[in-house]
Amino acid sequence: MKLKTFSDKAKTYTFTYDFPDFETARVANNALFGYMIGTYEQSVINTTFEGNGRMVVEYVEDRNINRVFKRICDGFKDYCNQPEE
C-alpha cells in the first residue's frame, strides 16, 4: 500500500472533540496518531488537551478530514464506561 502525500499548498486544520474524561481523550488521541502515521508518508499532527477531556488537534492536509477524525473519536465515546478486565 502506498502512503498518501499532501501538496505544497496544504492547509492547517483544527479538530476539536469533547470526551467525558482525560483518559478517554488520551486513548482516542493515540488512535488519531495511528491513523495519520498509517496513512501519510509524513504526517503533521499536534494535539493539546484542555480541561478534563477536550482534545484539540491541528493537522496539515490538502482537505479537511474532520469527518474521519470524528468517526474515530465517536468510537471511543463509551470508553470510560467499559468494565475493566
PDB file of N, CA and C in Angstrom:
ATOM      1  N   MET A   1       0.833  -1.178   0.000  1.00  0.00           N
ATOM      2  CA  MET A   1       0.000   0.000   0.000  1.00  0.00           C
ATOM      3  C   MET A   1       0.880   1.245   0.000  1.00  0.00           C
ATOM      4  N   LYS A   2       0.563   2.165  -0.855  1.00  0.00           N
ATOM      5  CA  LYS A   2       1.320   3.403  -0.937  1.00  0.00           C
ATOM      6  C   LYS A   2       0.721   4.429   0.024  1.00  0.00           C
ATOM      7  N   LEU A   3       1.579   5.072   0.797  1.00  0.00           N
ATOM      8  CA  LEU A   3       1.130   6.099   1.733  1.00  0.00           C
ATOM      9  C   LEU A   3       0.828   7.394   0.990  1.00  0.00           C
ATOM     10  N   LYS A   4      -0.143   8.147   1.487  1.00  0.00           N
ATOM     11  CA  LYS A   4      -0.546   9.408   0.869  1.00  0.00           C
ATOM     12  C   LYS A   4       0.469  10.509   1.166  1.00  0.00           C
ATOM     13  N   THR A   5       0.478  11.492   0.281  1.00  0.00           N
ATOM     14  CA  THR A   5       1.265  12.707   0.492  1.00  0.00           C
ATOM     15  C   THR A   5       0.308  13.892   0.351  1.00  0.00           C
ATOM     16  N   PHE A   6       0.741  15.039   0.790  1.00  0.00           N
ATOM     17  CA  PHE A   6      -0.057  16.241   0.575  1.00  0.00           C
ATOM     18  C   PHE A   6       0.783  17.239  -0.193  1.00  0.00           C
ATOM     19  N   SER A   7       0.115  18.188  -0.820  1.00  0.00           N
ATOM     20  CA  SER A   7       0.790  19.142  -1.705  1.00  0.00           C
ATOM     21  C   SER A   7       1.471  20.249  -0.909  1.00  0.00           C
ATOM     22  N   ASP A   8       2.177  21.101  -1.637  1.00  0.00           N
ATOM     23  CA  ASP A   8       2.820  22.270  -1.035  1.00  0.00           C
ATOM     24  C   ASP A   8       1.791  23.311  -0.611  1.00  0.00           C
ATOM     25  N   LYS A   9       0.569  23.159  -1.078  1.00  0.00           N
ATOM     26  CA  LYS A   9      -0.492  24.114  -0.753  1.00  0.00           C
ATOM     27  C   LYS A   9      -1.405  23.605   0.364  1.00  0.00           C
ATOM     28  N   ALA A  10      -0.993  22.574   1.053  1.00  0.00           N
ATOM     29  CA  ALA A  10      -1.801  22.016   2.140  1.00  0.00           C
ATOM     30  C   ALA A  10      -2.027  23.067   3.219  1.00  0.00           C
ATOM     31  N   LYS A  11      -3.132  22.941   3.918  1.00  0.00           N
ATOM     32  CA  LYS A  11      -3.514  23.903   4.949  1.00  0.00           C
ATOM     33  C   LYS A  11      -3.469  23.246   6.323  1.00  0.00           C
ATOM     34  N   THR A  12      -3.481  24.075   7.335  1.00  0.00           N
ATOM     35  CA  THR A  12      -3.585  23.588   8.705  1.00  0.00           C
ATOM     36  C   THR A  12      -5.050  23.651   9.113  1.00  0.00           C
ATOM     37  N   TYR A  13      -5.557  22.542   9.588  1.00  0.00           N
ATOM     38  CA  TYR A  13      -6.939  22.442  10.052  1.00  0.00           C
ATOM     39  C   TYR A  13      -6.950  22.153  11.541  1.00  0.00           C
ATOM     40  N   THR A  14      -8.067  22.468  12.171  1.00  0.00           N
ATOM     41  CA  THR A  14      -8.230  22.205  13.598  1.00  0.00           C
ATOM     42  C   THR A  14      -9.473  21.341  13.805  1.00  0.00           C
ATOM     43  N   PHE A  15      -9.322  20.333  14.639  1.00  0.00           N
ATOM     44  CA  PHE A  15     -10.426  19.448  15.013  1.00  0.00           C
ATOM     45  C   PHE A  15     -10.516  19.444  16.530  1.00  0.00           C
ATOM     46  N   THR A  16     -11.722  19.601  17.051  1.00  0.00           N
ATOM     47  CA  THR A  16     -11.929  19.613  18.494  1.00  0.00           C
ATOM     48  C   THR A  16     -12.980  18.574  18.853  1.00  0.00           C
ATOM     49  N   TYR A  17     -12.737  17.859  19.934  1.00  0.00           N
ATOM     50  CA  TYR A  17     -13.694  16.845  20.391  1.00  0.00           C
ATOM     51  C   TYR A  17     -13.707  16.844  21.910  1.00  0.00           C
ATOM     52  N   ASP A  18     -14.900  16.779  22.479  1.00  0.00           N
ATOM     53  CA  ASP A  18     -15.052  16.751  23.936  1.00  0.00           C
ATOM     54  C   ASP A  18     -15.356  15.333  24.402  1.00  0.00           C
ATOM     55  N   PHE A  19     -14.473  14.812  25.228  1.00  0.00           N
ATOM     56  CA  PHE A  19     -14.644  13.492  25.826  1.00  0.00           C
ATOM     57  C   PHE A  19     -15.076  13.646  27.276  1.00  0.00           C
ATOM     58  N   PRO A  20     -15.630  12.587  27.861  1.00  0.00           N
ATOM     59  CA  PRO A  20     -16.072  12.684  29.253  1.00  0.00           C
ATOM     60  C   PRO A  20     -14.932  12.781  30.262  1.00  0.00           C
ATOM     61  N   ASP A  21     -13.728  12.363  29.844  1.00  0.00           N
ATOM     62  CA  ASP A  21     -12.587  12.428  30.759  1.00  0.00           C
ATOM     63  C   ASP A  21     -11.277  12.451  29.973  1.00  0.00           C
ATOM     64  N   PHE A  22     -10.201  12.772  30.674  1.00  0.00           N
ATOM     65  CA  PHE A  22      -8.885  12.882  30.037  1.00  0.00           C
ATOM     66  C   PHE A  22      -8.397  11.537  29.516  1.00  0.00           C
ATOM     67  N   GLU A  23      -8.625  10.462  30.243  1.00  0.00           N
ATOM     68  CA  GLU A  23      -8.143   9.136  29.829  1.00  0.00           C
ATOM     69  C   GLU A  23      -8.727   8.741  28.474  1.00  0.00           C
ATOM     70  N   THR A  24     -10.002   8.975  28.282  1.00  0.00           N
ATOM     71  CA  THR A  24     -10.638   8.661  27.000  1.00  0.00           C
ATOM     72  C   THR A  24     -10.044   9.521  25.889  1.00  0.00           C
ATOM     73  N   ALA A  25      -9.826  10.792  26.164  1.00  0.00           N
ATOM     74  CA  ALA A  25      -9.212  11.680  25.173  1.00  0.00           C
ATOM     75  C   ALA A  25      -7.811  11.205  24.810  1.00  0.00           C
ATOM     76  N   ARG A  26      -7.065  10.751  25.792  1.00  0.00           N
ATOM     77  CA  ARG A  26      -5.699  10.275  25.545  1.00  0.00           C
ATOM     78  C   ARG A  26      -5.695   9.029  24.654  1.00  0.00           C
ATOM     79  N   VAL A  27      -6.596   8.097  24.934  1.00  0.00           N
ATOM     80  CA  VAL A  27      -6.669   6.868  24.139  1.00  0.00           C
ATOM     81  C   VAL A  27      -7.107   7.178  22.705  1.00  0.00           C
ATOM     82  N   ALA A  28      -8.103   8.040  22.555  1.00  0.00           N
ATOM     83  CA  ALA A  28      -8.549   8.430  21.216  1.00  0.00           C
ATOM     84  C   ALA A  28      -7.438   9.162  20.459  1.00  0.00           C
ATOM     85  N   ASN A  29      -6.673   9.971  21.164  1.00  0.00           N
ATOM     86  CA  ASN A  29      -5.538  10.661  20.546  1.00  0.00           C
ATOM     87  C   ASN A  29      -4.555   9.656  19.954  1.00  0.00           C
ATOM     88  N   ASN A  30      -4.287   8.576  20.670  1.00  0.00           N
ATOM     89  CA  ASN A  30      -3.395   7.531  20.143  1.00  0.00           C
ATOM     90  C   ASN A  30      -3.952   6.951  18.851  1.00  0.00           C
ATOM     91  N   ALA A  31      -5.274   6.783  18.785  1.00  0.00           N
ATOM     92  CA  ALA A  31      -5.896   6.258  17.573  1.00  0.00           C
ATOM     93  C   ALA A  31      -5.746   7.242  16.407  1.00  0.00           C
ATOM     94  N   LEU A  32      -5.901   8.538  16.675  1.00  0.00           N
ATOM     95  CA  LEU A  32      -5.735   9.536  15.615  1.00  0.00           C
ATOM     96  C   LEU A  32      -4.298   9.555  15.101  1.00  0.00           C
ATOM     97  N   PHE A  33      -3.344   9.475  16.025  1.00  0.00           N
ATOM     98  CA  PHE A  33      -1.944   9.436  15.606  1.00  0.00           C
ATOM     99  C   PHE A  33      -1.674   8.184  14.776  1.00  0.00           C
ATOM    100  N   GLY A  34      -2.236   7.061  15.182  1.00  0.00           N
ATOM    101  CA  GLY A  34      -2.076   5.818  14.419  1.00  0.00           C
ATOM    102  C   GLY A  34      -2.647   5.945  13.025  1.00  0.00           C
ATOM    103  N   TYR A  35      -3.796   6.576  12.911  1.00  0.00           N
ATOM    104  CA  TYR A  35      -4.394   6.796  11.597  1.00  0.00           C
ATOM    105  C   TYR A  35      -3.472   7.632  10.716  1.00  0.00           C
ATOM    106  N   MET A  36      -2.962   8.736  11.255  1.00  0.00           N
ATOM    107  CA  MET A  36      -2.115   9.629  10.473  1.00  0.00           C
ATOM    108  C   MET A  36      -0.805   8.951  10.075  1.00  0.00           C
ATOM    109  N   ILE A  37      -0.186   8.254  10.999  1.00  0.00           N
ATOM    110  CA  ILE A  37       1.088   7.584  10.707  1.00  0.00           C
ATOM    111  C   ILE A  37       0.890   6.468   9.692  1.00  0.00           C
ATOM    112  N   GLY A  38      -0.238   5.776   9.771  1.00  0.00           N
ATOM    113  CA  GLY A  38      -0.508   4.680   8.849  1.00  0.00           C
ATOM    114  C   GLY A  38      -1.019   5.128   7.496  1.00  0.00           C
ATOM    115  N   THR A  39      -1.389   6.394   7.353  1.00  0.00           N
ATOM    116  CA  THR A  39      -1.983   6.883   6.123  1.00  0.00           C
ATOM    117  C   THR A  39      -1.039   7.764   5.306  1.00  0.00           C
ATOM    118  N   TYR A  40      -0.198   8.539   5.964  1.00  0.00           N
ATOM    119  CA  TYR A  40       0.621   9.540   5.276  1.00  0.00           C
ATOM    120  C   TYR A  40       2.115   9.243   5.392  1.00  0.00           C
ATOM    121  N   GLU A  41       2.834   9.574   4.310  1.00  0.00           N
ATOM    122  CA  GLU A  41       4.289   9.433   4.349  1.00  0.00           C
ATOM    123  C   GLU A  41       4.874  10.300   5.450  1.00  0.00           C
ATOM    124  N   GLN A  42       4.431  11.522   5.512  1.00  0.00           N
ATOM    125  CA  GLN A  42       4.865  12.452   6.550  1.00  0.00           C
ATOM    126  C   GLN A  42       3.618  13.045   7.173  1.00  0.00           C
ATOM    127  N   SER A  43       3.291  12.563   8.344  1.00  0.00           N
ATOM    128  CA  SER A  43       2.099  13.102   8.990  1.00  0.00           C
ATOM    129  C   SER A  43       2.482  14.305   9.838  1.00  0.00           C
ATOM    130  N   VAL A  44       1.648  15.305   9.789  1.00  0.00           N
ATOM    131  CA  VAL A  44       1.845  16.507  10.593  1.00  0.00           C
ATOM    132  C   VAL A  44       0.599  16.653  11.458  1.00  0.00           C
ATOM    133  N   ILE A  45       0.760  16.345  12.747  1.00  0.00           N
ATOM    134  CA  ILE A  45      -0.367  16.383  13.669  1.00  0.00           C
ATOM    135  C   ILE A  45       0.144  16.798  15.039  1.00  0.00           C
ATOM    136  N   ASN A  46      -0.627  17.641  15.699  1.00  0.00           N
ATOM    137  CA  ASN A  46      -0.262  18.100  17.038  1.00  0.00           C
ATOM    138  C   ASN A  46      -1.536  18.151  17.869  1.00  0.00           C
ATOM    139  N   THR A  47      -1.467  17.634  19.091  1.00  0.00           N
ATOM    140  CA  THR A  47      -2.635  17.600  19.956  1.00  0.00           C
ATOM    141  C   THR A  47      -2.366  18.326  21.258  1.00  0.00           C
ATOM    142  N   THR A  48      -3.364  19.067  21.714  1.00  0.00           N
ATOM    143  CA  THR A  48      -3.328  19.646  23.054  1.00  0.00           C
ATOM    144  C   THR A  48      -4.624  19.230  23.744  1.00  0.00           C
ATOM    145  N   PHE A  49      -4.570  19.201  25.055  1.00  0.00           N
ATOM    146  CA  PHE A  49      -5.738  18.842  25.853  1.00  0.00           C
ATOM    147  C   PHE A  49      -6.105  20.036  26.714  1.00  0.00           C
ATOM    148  N   GLU A  50      -7.401  20.282  26.806  1.00  0.00           N
ATOM    149  CA  GLU A  50      -7.898  21.390  27.621  1.00  0.00           C
ATOM    150  C   GLU A  50      -8.899  20.829  28.623  1.00  0.00           C
ATOM    151  N   GLY A  51      -8.856  21.337  29.827  1.00  0.00           N
ATOM    152  CA  GLY A  51      -9.811  20.903  30.824  1.00  0.00           C
ATOM    153  C   GLY A  51      -9.671  19.428  31.136  1.00  0.00           C
ATOM    154  N   ASN A  52     -10.791  18.773  31.331  1.00  0.00           N
ATOM    155  CA  ASN A  52     -10.776  17.376  31.751  1.00  0.00           C
ATOM    156  C   ASN A  52     -10.997  16.404  30.606  1.00  0.00           C
ATOM    157  N   GLY A  53     -11.214  16.866  29.377  1.00  0.00           N
ATOM    158  CA  GLY A  53     -11.439  15.907  28.305  1.00  0.00           C
ATOM    159  C   GLY A  53     -11.550  16.493  26.918  1.00  0.00           C
ATOM    160  N   ARG A  54     -11.277  17.768  26.767  1.00  0.00           N
ATOM    161  CA  ARG A  54     -11.315  18.373  25.435  1.00  0.00           C
ATOM    162  C   ARG A  54      -9.991  18.152  24.732  1.00  0.00           C
ATOM    163  N   MET A  55     -10.079  17.617  23.522  1.00  0.00           N
ATOM    164  CA  MET A  55      -8.901  17.371  22.707  1.00  0.00           C
ATOM    165  C   MET A  55      -8.955  18.321  21.521  1.00  0.00           C
ATOM    166  N   VAL A  56      -7.866  19.045  21.286  1.00  0.00           N
ATOM    167  CA  VAL A  56      -7.764  19.967  20.157  1.00  0.00           C
ATOM    168  C   VAL A  56      -6.608  19.478  19.286  1.00  0.00           C
ATOM    169  N   VAL A  57      -6.928  19.150  18.046  1.00  0.00           N
ATOM    170  CA  VAL A  57      -5.955  18.569  17.126  1.00  0.00           C
ATOM    171  C   VAL A  57      -5.732  19.530  15.969  1.00  0.00           C
ATOM    172  N   GLU A  58      -4.484  19.836  15.690  1.00  0.00           N
ATOM    173  CA  GLU A  58      -4.122  20.592  14.493  1.00  0.00           C
ATOM    174  C   GLU A  58      -3.371  19.648  13.566  1.00  0.00           C
ATOM    175  N   TYR A  59      -3.729  19.684  12.300  1.00  0.00           N
ATOM    176  CA  TYR A  59      -3.089  18.795  11.330  1.00  0.00           C
ATOM    177  C   TYR A  59      -2.973  19.500   9.988  1.00  0.00           C
ATOM    178  N   VAL A  60      -2.081  18.999   9.160  1.00  0.00           N
ATOM    179  CA  VAL A  60      -1.860  19.552   7.826  1.00  0.00           C
ATOM    180  C   VAL A  60      -2.394  18.553   6.812  1.00  0.00           C
ATOM    181  N   GLU A  61      -3.192  19.049   5.877  1.00  0.00           N
ATOM    182  CA  GLU A  61      -3.777  18.209   4.833  1.00  0.00           C
ATOM    183  C   GLU A  61      -4.242  19.119   3.699  1.00  0.00           C
ATOM    184  N   ASP A  62      -4.438  18.531   2.528  1.00  0.00           N
ATOM    185  CA  ASP A  62      -4.985  19.282   1.401  1.00  0.00           C
ATOM    186  C   ASP A  62      -6.487  19.498   1.553  1.00  0.00           C
ATOM    187  N   ARG A  63      -7.117  18.627   2.302  1.00  0.00           N
ATOM    188  CA  ARG A  63      -8.556  18.747   2.510  1.00  0.00           C
ATOM    189  C   ARG A  63      -8.874  18.515   3.977  1.00  0.00           C
ATOM    190  N   ASN A  64     -10.001  18.991   4.384  1.00  0.00           N
ATOM    191  CA  ASN A  64     -10.443  18.846   5.758  1.00  0.00           C
ATOM    192  C   ASN A  64     -10.855  17.393   6.002  1.00  0.00           C
ATOM    193  N   ILE A  65     -10.235  16.738   6.981  1.00  0.00           N
ATOM    194  CA  ILE A  65     -10.588  15.352   7.299  1.00  0.00           C
ATOM    195  C   ILE A  65     -11.207  15.249   8.702  1.00  0.00           C
ATOM    196  N   ASN A  66     -11.864  16.315   9.132  1.00  0.00           N
ATOM    197  CA  ASN A  66     -12.520  16.299  10.434  1.00  0.00           C
ATOM    198  C   ASN A  66     -13.563  15.195  10.547  1.00  0.00           C
ATOM    199  N   ARG A  67     -14.253  14.875   9.459  1.00  0.00           N
ATOM    200  CA  ARG A  67     -15.249  13.792   9.494  1.00  0.00           C
ATOM    201  C   ARG A  67     -14.596  12.460   9.827  1.00  0.00           C
ATOM    202  N   VAL A  68     -13.415  12.218   9.291  1.00  0.00           N
ATOM    203  CA  VAL A  68     -12.684  10.987   9.606  1.00  0.00           C
ATOM    204  C   VAL A  68     -12.310  10.978  11.088  1.00  0.00           C
ATOM    205  N   PHE A  69     -11.775  12.104  11.570  1.00  0.00           N
ATOM    206  CA  PHE A  69     -11.394  12.186  12.982  1.00  0.00           C
ATOM    207  C   PHE A  69     -12.610  12.019  13.891  1.00  0.00           C
ATOM    208  N   LYS A  70     -13.742  12.610  13.516  1.00  0.00           N
ATOM    209  CA  LYS A  70     -14.950  12.479  14.328  1.00  0.00           C
ATOM    210  C   LYS A  70     -15.394  11.024  14.405  1.00  0.00           C
ATOM    211  N   ARG A  71     -15.351  10.333  13.277  1.00  0.00           N
ATOM    212  CA  ARG A  71     -15.742   8.916  13.254  1.00  0.00           C
ATOM    213  C   ARG A  71     -14.846   8.090  14.174  1.00  0.00           C
ATOM    214  N   ILE A  72     -13.555   8.369  14.156  1.00  0.00           N
ATOM    215  CA  ILE A  72     -12.632   7.659  15.043  1.00  0.00           C
ATOM    216  C   ILE A  72     -12.966   7.969  16.499  1.00  0.00           C
ATOM    217  N   CYS A  73     -13.133   9.235  16.820  1.00  0.00           N
ATOM    218  CA  CYS A  73     -13.408   9.637  18.202  1.00  0.00           C
ATOM    219  C   CYS A  73     -14.757   9.135  18.694  1.00  0.00           C
ATOM    220  N   ASP A  74     -15.754   9.113  17.824  1.00  0.00           N
ATOM    221  CA  ASP A  74     -17.063   8.589  18.218  1.00  0.00           C
ATOM    222  C   ASP A  74     -16.966   7.134  18.689  1.00  0.00           C
ATOM    223  N   GLY A  75     -16.015   6.410  18.164  1.00  0.00           N
ATOM    224  CA  GLY A  75     -15.820   5.020  18.574  1.00  0.00           C
ATOM    225  C   GLY A  75     -15.332   4.888  20.009  1.00  0.00           C
ATOM    226  N   PHE A  76     -14.869   5.970  20.590  1.00  0.00           N
ATOM    227  CA  PHE A  76     -14.353   5.950  21.964  1.00  0.00           C
ATOM    228  C   PHE A  76     -15.292   6.639  22.962  1.00  0.00           C
ATOM    229  N   LYS A  77     -16.460   7.086  22.524  1.00  0.00           N
ATOM    230  CA  LYS A  77     -17.304   7.882  23.414  1.00  0.00           C
ATOM    231  C   LYS A  77     -17.786   7.116  24.645  1.00  0.00           C
ATOM    232  N   ASP A  78     -17.859   5.793  24.577  1.00  0.00           N
ATOM    233  CA  ASP A  78     -18.248   4.993  25.739  1.00  0.00           C
ATOM    234  C   ASP A  78     -17.059   4.287  26.381  1.00  0.00           C
ATOM    235  N   TYR A  79     -15.866   4.679  26.005  1.00  0.00           N
ATOM    236  CA  TYR A  79     -14.661   4.011  26.508  1.00  0.00           C
ATOM    237  C   TYR A  79     -14.602   4.029  28.026  1.00  0.00           C
ATOM    238  N   CYS A  80     -14.934   5.150  28.651  1.00  0.00           N
ATOM    239  CA  CYS A  80     -14.827   5.272  30.102  1.00  0.00           C
ATOM    240  C   CYS A  80     -15.858   4.416  30.817  1.00  0.00           C
ATOM    241  N   ASN A  81     -16.880   3.915  30.119  1.00  0.00           N
ATOM    242  CA  ASN A  81     -17.909   3.076  30.725  1.00  0.00           C
ATOM    243  C   ASN A  81     -17.632   1.588  30.569  1.00  0.00           C
ATOM    244  N   GLN A  82     -16.526   1.234  29.913  1.00  0.00           N
ATOM    245  CA  GLN A  82     -16.203  -0.168  29.703  1.00  0.00           C
ATOM    246  C   GLN A  82     -15.705  -0.806  30.998  1.00  0.00           C
ATOM    247  N   PRO A  83     -16.161  -2.008  31.309  1.00  0.00           N
ATOM    248  CA  PRO A  83     -15.659  -2.672  32.530  1.00  0.00           C
ATOM    249  C   PRO A  83     -14.198  -3.064  32.358  1.00  0.00           C
ATOM    250  N   GLU A  84     -13.454  -2.955  33.437  1.00  0.00           N
ATOM    251  CA  GLU A  84     -12.047  -3.353  33.393  1.00  0.00           C
ATOM    252  C   GLU A  84     -11.952  -4.857  33.389  1.00  0.00           C
ATOM    253  N   GLU A  85     -10.989  -5.376  32.659  1.00  0.00           N
ATOM    254  CA  GLU A  85     -10.805  -6.831  32.563  1.00  0.00           C
ATOM    255  C   GLU A  85     -10.004  -7.339  33.741  1.00  0.00           C
TER     256      GLU A  85
END
